[in-house]
């Protein structure tokens, strides 16, 4: 199964049917969601974390992963039930580009605890026809 969003699927559809596709974002923002599908990024010191498109990501076969650490900073409150990581094209609002459920979820972060994903911790898969 692909981790891409409906928005990305629509972009591929438009590329194939109309020969158009939107300009890519220069920054891709990482966000976290809890088990009620509520974004919790604002509960952290650094909110959504921006990574440079084309520079801060590494490609492995048919997936890509964070090529640098993603540091949300300290939790401003207790954050319970973290479950998903998503990518957006804007620091607030914007279009969701991809999402996946993290391993070992849901999990909690206590107020004052730093949430960091080390290099390579976040892997988004792009399924191709050769994968099972």
Protein backbone atom coordinates (compact mmCIF):
# COMPACT_ATOMS: atom_id res chain seq x y z
CA UNK A 1 0.00 0.00 0.00
CA UNK A 2 1.25 3.47 -0.82
CA UNK A 3 1.63 6.16 1.83
CA UNK A 4 0.63 8.88 -0.64
CA UNK A 5 -2.46 11.02 -0.04
CA UNK A 6 -5.54 11.57 -2.18
CA UNK A 7 -4.04 14.95 -3.20
CA UNK A 8 -0.98 13.24 -4.71
CA UNK A 9 -3.20 10.69 -6.47
CA UNK A 10 -5.18 13.56 -7.99
CA UNK A 11 -1.94 15.19 -9.16
CA UNK A 12 -0.93 11.97 -10.92
CA UNK A 13 -4.40 11.74 -12.46
CA UNK A 14 -4.12 15.31 -13.77
CA UNK A 15 -0.65 14.64 -15.13
CA UNK A 16 -1.88 11.63 -17.08
CA UNK A 17 -5.23 13.05 -18.25
CA UNK A 18 -4.45 16.73 -18.71
CA UNK A 19 -0.67 16.93 -18.94
CA UNK A 20 -0.58 19.28 -15.96
CA UNK A 21 0.89 19.05 -12.50
CA UNK A 22 1.37 21.70 -9.85
CA UNK A 23 4.76 23.11 -8.94
CA UNK A 24 6.42 21.14 -6.14
CA UNK A 25 6.87 22.75 -2.73
CA UNK A 26 10.37 23.89 -1.75
CA UNK A 27 9.79 22.77 1.83
CA UNK A 28 7.99 19.65 3.04
CA UNK A 29 6.57 19.91 6.56
CA UNK A 30 6.41 16.96 8.95
CA UNK A 31 3.41 16.77 11.29
CA UNK A 32 2.27 14.32 13.96
CA UNK A 33 -1.27 13.08 14.64
CA UNK A 34 -2.83 11.25 17.55
CA UNK A 35 -5.13 8.22 17.54
CA UNK A 36 -8.19 10.47 17.18
CA UNK A 37 -6.78 11.85 13.89
CA UNK A 38 -6.05 15.22 15.54
CA UNK A 39 -2.86 17.00 14.52
CA UNK A 40 -0.70 17.52 17.61
CA UNK A 41 2.26 19.36 16.04
CA UNK A 42 1.25 22.64 17.72
CA UNK A 43 1.70 20.94 21.10
CA UNK A 44 5.47 20.98 20.46
CA UNK A 45 7.97 23.83 20.63
CA UNK A 46 8.79 23.70 16.89
CA UNK A 47 5.27 22.94 15.52
CA UNK A 48 5.44 21.37 12.02
CA UNK A 49 9.07 20.77 11.09
CA UNK A 50 10.19 21.94 7.64
CA UNK A 51 12.63 19.89 5.56
CA UNK A 52 13.98 21.05 2.22
CA UNK A 53 12.42 19.19 -0.70
CA UNK A 54 15.14 17.62 -2.80
CA UNK A 55 17.85 18.00 -0.15
CA UNK A 56 16.73 16.68 3.25
CA UNK A 57 15.30 13.40 1.97
CA UNK A 58 17.03 10.19 0.86
CA UNK A 59 15.66 7.72 -1.69
CA UNK A 60 15.88 3.95 -1.23
CA UNK A 61 14.36 1.79 -3.95
CA UNK A 62 10.67 2.79 -4.02
CA UNK A 63 10.62 4.72 -0.76
CA UNK A 64 12.07 7.90 0.68
CA UNK A 65 13.15 8.74 4.20
CA UNK A 66 14.24 11.74 6.21
CA UNK A 67 17.91 12.43 5.47
CA UNK A 68 18.24 14.73 8.49
CA UNK A 69 16.86 14.65 12.03
CA UNK A 70 13.32 15.95 12.50
CA UNK A 71 13.23 17.85 15.81
CA UNK A 72 9.81 18.89 17.10
CA UNK A 73 11.40 20.23 20.30
CA UNK A 74 9.87 19.93 23.74
CA UNK A 75 6.25 19.00 24.31
CA UNK A 76 4.42 22.04 25.70
CA UNK A 77 1.78 19.76 27.29
CA UNK A 78 1.37 16.02 27.75
CA UNK A 79 0.74 14.60 24.28
CA UNK A 80 -1.08 11.27 24.37
CA UNK A 81 -1.80 8.68 21.72
CA UNK A 82 0.64 9.73 18.98
CA UNK A 83 0.10 7.46 16.02
CA UNK A 84 0.70 8.96 12.55
CA UNK A 85 3.31 11.07 10.80
CA UNK A 86 2.18 13.12 7.80
CA UNK A 87 3.84 15.37 5.24
CA UNK A 88 2.33 18.69 4.15
CA UNK A 89 3.20 21.37 1.61
CA UNK A 90 2.68 24.24 4.08
CA UNK A 91 3.62 25.17 7.66
CA UNK A 92 -0.10 25.50 8.49
CA UNK A 93 -3.05 24.14 6.56
CA UNK A 94 -1.94 23.14 3.09
CA UNK A 95 -2.28 19.83 1.30
CA UNK A 96 -1.39 16.53 2.91
CA UNK A 97 1.14 14.75 0.71
CA UNK A 98 1.65 11.45 2.53
CA UNK A 99 0.94 9.74 5.86
CA UNK A 100 1.87 6.55 7.66
CA UNK A 101 1.27 4.94 11.04
CA UNK A 102 4.43 4.77 13.14
CA UNK A 103 5.65 1.52 14.69
CA UNK A 104 4.85 0.95 18.36
CA UNK A 105 1.88 3.27 18.41
CA UNK A 106 0.04 4.82 20.00
CA UNK A 107 2.62 6.33 22.38
CA UNK A 108 2.69 9.28 24.78
CA UNK A 109 5.13 12.17 25.19
CA UNK A 110 5.28 13.93 28.56
CA UNK A 111 5.41 17.71 28.83
CA UNK A 112 9.03 18.88 28.57
CA UNK A 113 10.16 15.78 26.65
CA UNK A 114 11.77 16.33 23.24
CA UNK A 115 10.31 14.51 20.22
CA UNK A 116 12.97 13.85 17.58
CA UNK A 117 13.02 11.44 14.67
CA UNK A 118 16.60 10.54 13.82
CA UNK A 119 17.85 10.35 10.25
CA UNK A 120 16.12 7.46 8.49
CA UNK A 121 13.38 6.99 11.12
CA UNK A 122 10.58 8.19 8.82
CA UNK A 123 10.15 6.08 5.70
CA UNK A 124 7.37 6.70 3.19
CA UNK A 125 6.71 3.96 0.63
CA UNK A 126 5.80 4.43 -3.00
CA UNK A 127 4.52 1.06 -4.17
CA UNK A 128 5.38 0.15 -7.72
CA UNK A 129 4.05 -2.70 -9.82
CA UNK A 130 7.03 -4.95 -9.04
CA UNK A 131 6.41 -4.93 -5.28
CA UNK A 132 4.24 -7.51 -3.58
